[in-house]
């Protein structure tokens, strides 16, 4: 399939700021990771020194991405309570969105 001329133009406009947006997402994910790390059972983001592949990530990447994972102490019940308490973050299984998702 082909893009319409307008959709191609929109994609090209988005590419102009892609580098800036990708780096900002990575920086913000790392800030959230530093904040959450002492509060959760396990925090996984390659930009964190505690990540098992941190050194490799630092050698291979300029930015570590905007996605991270963590384990909530208290198991499934506590994880569901956390999800139910969210006010600014959407619950979704679609990571291709422009909003913060969990």
C-alpha atoms as a PDB file:
ATOM      1  CA  UNK A   1       0.000   0.000   0.000  1.00  0.00           C
ATOM      2  CA  UNK A   2       1.035   3.603  -0.590  1.00  0.00           C
ATOM      3  CA  UNK A   3       0.626   6.658   1.585  1.00  0.00           C
ATOM      4  CA  UNK A   4      -1.432   9.548   0.353  1.00  0.00           C
ATOM      5  CA  UNK A   5       0.604  12.696  -0.344  1.00  0.00           C
ATOM      6  CA  UNK A   6      -0.759  14.347   2.806  1.00  0.00           C
ATOM      7  CA  UNK A   7       0.065  11.352   5.023  1.00  0.00           C
ATOM      8  CA  UNK A   8       3.566  11.177   3.523  1.00  0.00           C
ATOM      9  CA  UNK A   9       4.035  14.883   4.327  1.00  0.00           C
ATOM     10  CA  UNK A  10       2.861  14.318   7.922  1.00  0.00           C
ATOM     11  CA  UNK A  11       5.355  11.448   8.327  1.00  0.00           C
ATOM     12  CA  UNK A  12       8.160  13.607   6.914  1.00  0.00           C
ATOM     13  CA  UNK A  13       7.289  16.440   9.321  1.00  0.00           C
ATOM     14  CA  UNK A  14       7.400  13.989  12.226  1.00  0.00           C
ATOM     15  CA  UNK A  15      10.834  12.762  11.165  1.00  0.00           C
ATOM     16  CA  UNK A  16      12.234  16.275  11.640  1.00  0.00           C
ATOM     17  CA  UNK A  17      11.901  15.990  15.415  1.00  0.00           C
ATOM     18  CA  UNK A  18      12.182  12.206  15.824  1.00  0.00           C
ATOM     19  CA  UNK A  19      15.729  12.321  17.230  1.00  0.00           C
ATOM     20  CA  UNK A  20      14.794  14.966  19.792  1.00  0.00           C
ATOM     21  CA  UNK A  21      11.623  13.123  20.828  1.00  0.00           C
ATOM     22  CA  UNK A  22      13.358   9.731  21.102  1.00  0.00           C
ATOM     23  CA  UNK A  23      16.119  11.146  23.300  1.00  0.00           C
ATOM     24  CA  UNK A  24      13.635  13.024  25.486  1.00  0.00           C
ATOM     25  CA  UNK A  25      11.563   9.851  25.943  1.00  0.00           C
ATOM     26  CA  UNK A  26      14.695   7.989  26.979  1.00  0.00           C
ATOM     27  CA  UNK A  27      15.732  10.728  29.426  1.00  0.00           C
ATOM     28  CA  UNK A  28      12.263  10.796  30.977  1.00  0.00           C
ATOM     29  CA  UNK A  29      12.117   7.004  31.293  1.00  0.00           C
ATOM     30  CA  UNK A  30      15.456   7.057  33.085  1.00  0.00           C
ATOM     31  CA  UNK A  31      14.200   9.752  35.496  1.00  0.00           C
ATOM     32  CA  UNK A  32      11.107   7.682  36.239  1.00  0.00           C
ATOM     33  CA  UNK A  33      13.320   4.622  36.663  1.00  0.00           C
ATOM     34  CA  UNK A  34      15.534   6.390  39.217  1.00  0.00           C
ATOM     35  CA  UNK A  35      12.424   7.516  41.086  1.00  0.00           C
ATOM     36  CA  UNK A  36      10.776   4.075  41.107  1.00  0.00           C
ATOM     37  CA  UNK A  37      13.833   1.899  41.687  1.00  0.00           C
ATOM     38  CA  UNK A  38      13.910   2.209  45.501  1.00  0.00           C
ATOM     39  CA  UNK A  39      10.113   1.801  45.662  1.00  0.00           C
ATOM     40  CA  UNK A  40       9.608  -1.391  43.640  1.00  0.00           C
ATOM     41  CA  UNK A  41      10.804  -4.968  43.943  1.00  0.00           C
ATOM     42  CA  UNK A  42      12.741  -4.821  40.661  1.00  0.00           C
ATOM     43  CA  UNK A  43      13.265  -2.118  38.041  1.00  0.00           C
ATOM     44  CA  UNK A  44      14.384  -2.897  34.491  1.00  0.00           C
ATOM     45  CA  UNK A  45      15.701  -0.216  32.149  1.00  0.00           C
ATOM     46  CA  UNK A  46      19.088  -0.580  30.423  1.00  0.00           C
ATOM     47  CA  UNK A  47      20.031   2.990  31.371  1.00  0.00           C
ATOM     48  CA  UNK A  48      20.018   2.094  35.066  1.00  0.00           C
ATOM     49  CA  UNK A  49      23.298   0.881  36.547  1.00  0.00           C
ATOM     50  CA  UNK A  50      21.382  -1.948  38.238  1.00  0.00           C
ATOM     51  CA  UNK A  51      20.304  -3.449  34.893  1.00  0.00           C
ATOM     52  CA  UNK A  52      22.224  -6.679  34.128  1.00  0.00           C
ATOM     53  CA  UNK A  53      23.158  -5.451  30.621  1.00  0.00           C
ATOM     54  CA  UNK A  54      23.810  -1.799  31.537  1.00  0.00           C
ATOM     55  CA  UNK A  55      27.469  -1.756  30.453  1.00  0.00           C
ATOM     56  CA  UNK A  56      26.653  -3.352  27.108  1.00  0.00           C
ATOM     57  CA  UNK A  57      23.787  -0.901  26.544  1.00  0.00           C
ATOM     58  CA  UNK A  58      26.048   2.063  27.272  1.00  0.00           C
ATOM     59  CA  UNK A  59      28.604   0.817  24.731  1.00  0.00           C
ATOM     60  CA  UNK A  60      26.031   0.153  22.006  1.00  0.00           C
ATOM     61  CA  UNK A  61      23.363   2.858  22.372  1.00  0.00           C
ATOM     62  CA  UNK A  62      23.147   6.646  22.584  1.00  0.00           C
ATOM     63  CA  UNK A  63      19.771   6.380  24.333  1.00  0.00           C
ATOM     64  CA  UNK A  64      18.107   3.451  26.077  1.00  0.00           C
ATOM     65  CA  UNK A  65      14.506   4.065  25.062  1.00  0.00           C
ATOM     66  CA  UNK A  66      11.316   5.137  26.709  1.00  0.00           C
ATOM     67  CA  UNK A  67      10.075   1.732  27.821  1.00  0.00           C
ATOM     68  CA  UNK A  68      10.828   0.161  31.185  1.00  0.00           C
ATOM     69  CA  UNK A  69       9.358  -2.526  33.376  1.00  0.00           C
ATOM     70  CA  UNK A  70       9.167  -3.105  37.084  1.00  0.00           C
ATOM     71  CA  UNK A  71       7.866  -5.611  39.587  1.00  0.00           C
ATOM     72  CA  UNK A  72       5.528  -4.356  42.279  1.00  0.00           C
ATOM     73  CA  UNK A  73       6.048  -5.743  45.783  1.00  0.00           C
ATOM     74  CA  UNK A  74       2.923  -7.550  46.938  1.00  0.00           C
ATOM     75  CA  UNK A  75       2.263  -9.504  43.750  1.00  0.00           C
ATOM     76  CA  UNK A  76      -0.776  -9.432  41.499  1.00  0.00           C
ATOM     77  CA  UNK A  77      -3.148  -7.839  44.015  1.00  0.00           C
ATOM     78  CA  UNK A  78      -0.812  -4.901  44.603  1.00  0.00           C
ATOM     79  CA  UNK A  79      -0.141  -4.537  40.858  1.00  0.00           C
ATOM     80  CA  UNK A  80      -3.892  -4.350  40.162  1.00  0.00           C
ATOM     81  CA  UNK A  81      -4.302  -1.823  42.984  1.00  0.00           C
ATOM     82  CA  UNK A  82      -1.581   0.299  41.373  1.00  0.00           C
ATOM     83  CA  UNK A  83      -3.327   0.145  37.992  1.00  0.00           C
ATOM     84  CA  UNK A  84      -6.666   1.042  39.581  1.00  0.00           C
ATOM     85  CA  UNK A  85      -5.101   4.080  41.270  1.00  0.00           C
ATOM     86  CA  UNK A  86      -3.694   5.607  38.069  1.00  0.00           C
ATOM     87  CA  UNK A  87      -5.040   9.042  37.198  1.00  0.00           C
ATOM     88  CA  UNK A  88      -2.689  10.447  34.527  1.00  0.00           C
ATOM     89  CA  UNK A  89      -1.416   7.266  32.887  1.00  0.00           C
ATOM     90  CA  UNK A  90      -3.648   5.209  30.611  1.00  0.00           C
ATOM     91  CA  UNK A  91      -3.909   1.448  30.920  1.00  0.00           C
ATOM     92  CA  UNK A  92      -3.304  -0.087  27.505  1.00  0.00           C
ATOM     93  CA  UNK A  93      -1.569  -2.911  25.684  1.00  0.00           C
ATOM     94  CA  UNK A  94      -0.672  -0.659  22.716  1.00  0.00           C
ATOM     95  CA  UNK A  95       2.856   0.677  23.180  1.00  0.00           C
ATOM     96  CA  UNK A  96       2.674   2.624  19.908  1.00  0.00           C
ATOM     97  CA  UNK A  97       0.799   5.526  21.452  1.00  0.00           C
ATOM     98  CA  UNK A  98       1.903   9.081  22.169  1.00  0.00           C
ATOM     99  CA  UNK A  99       0.682   8.966  25.771  1.00  0.00           C
ATOM    100  CA  UNK A 100       2.144   7.447  28.899  1.00  0.00           C
ATOM    101  CA  UNK A 101       0.819   3.914  29.177  1.00  0.00           C
ATOM    102  CA  UNK A 102       0.934   1.144  31.705  1.00  0.00           C
END
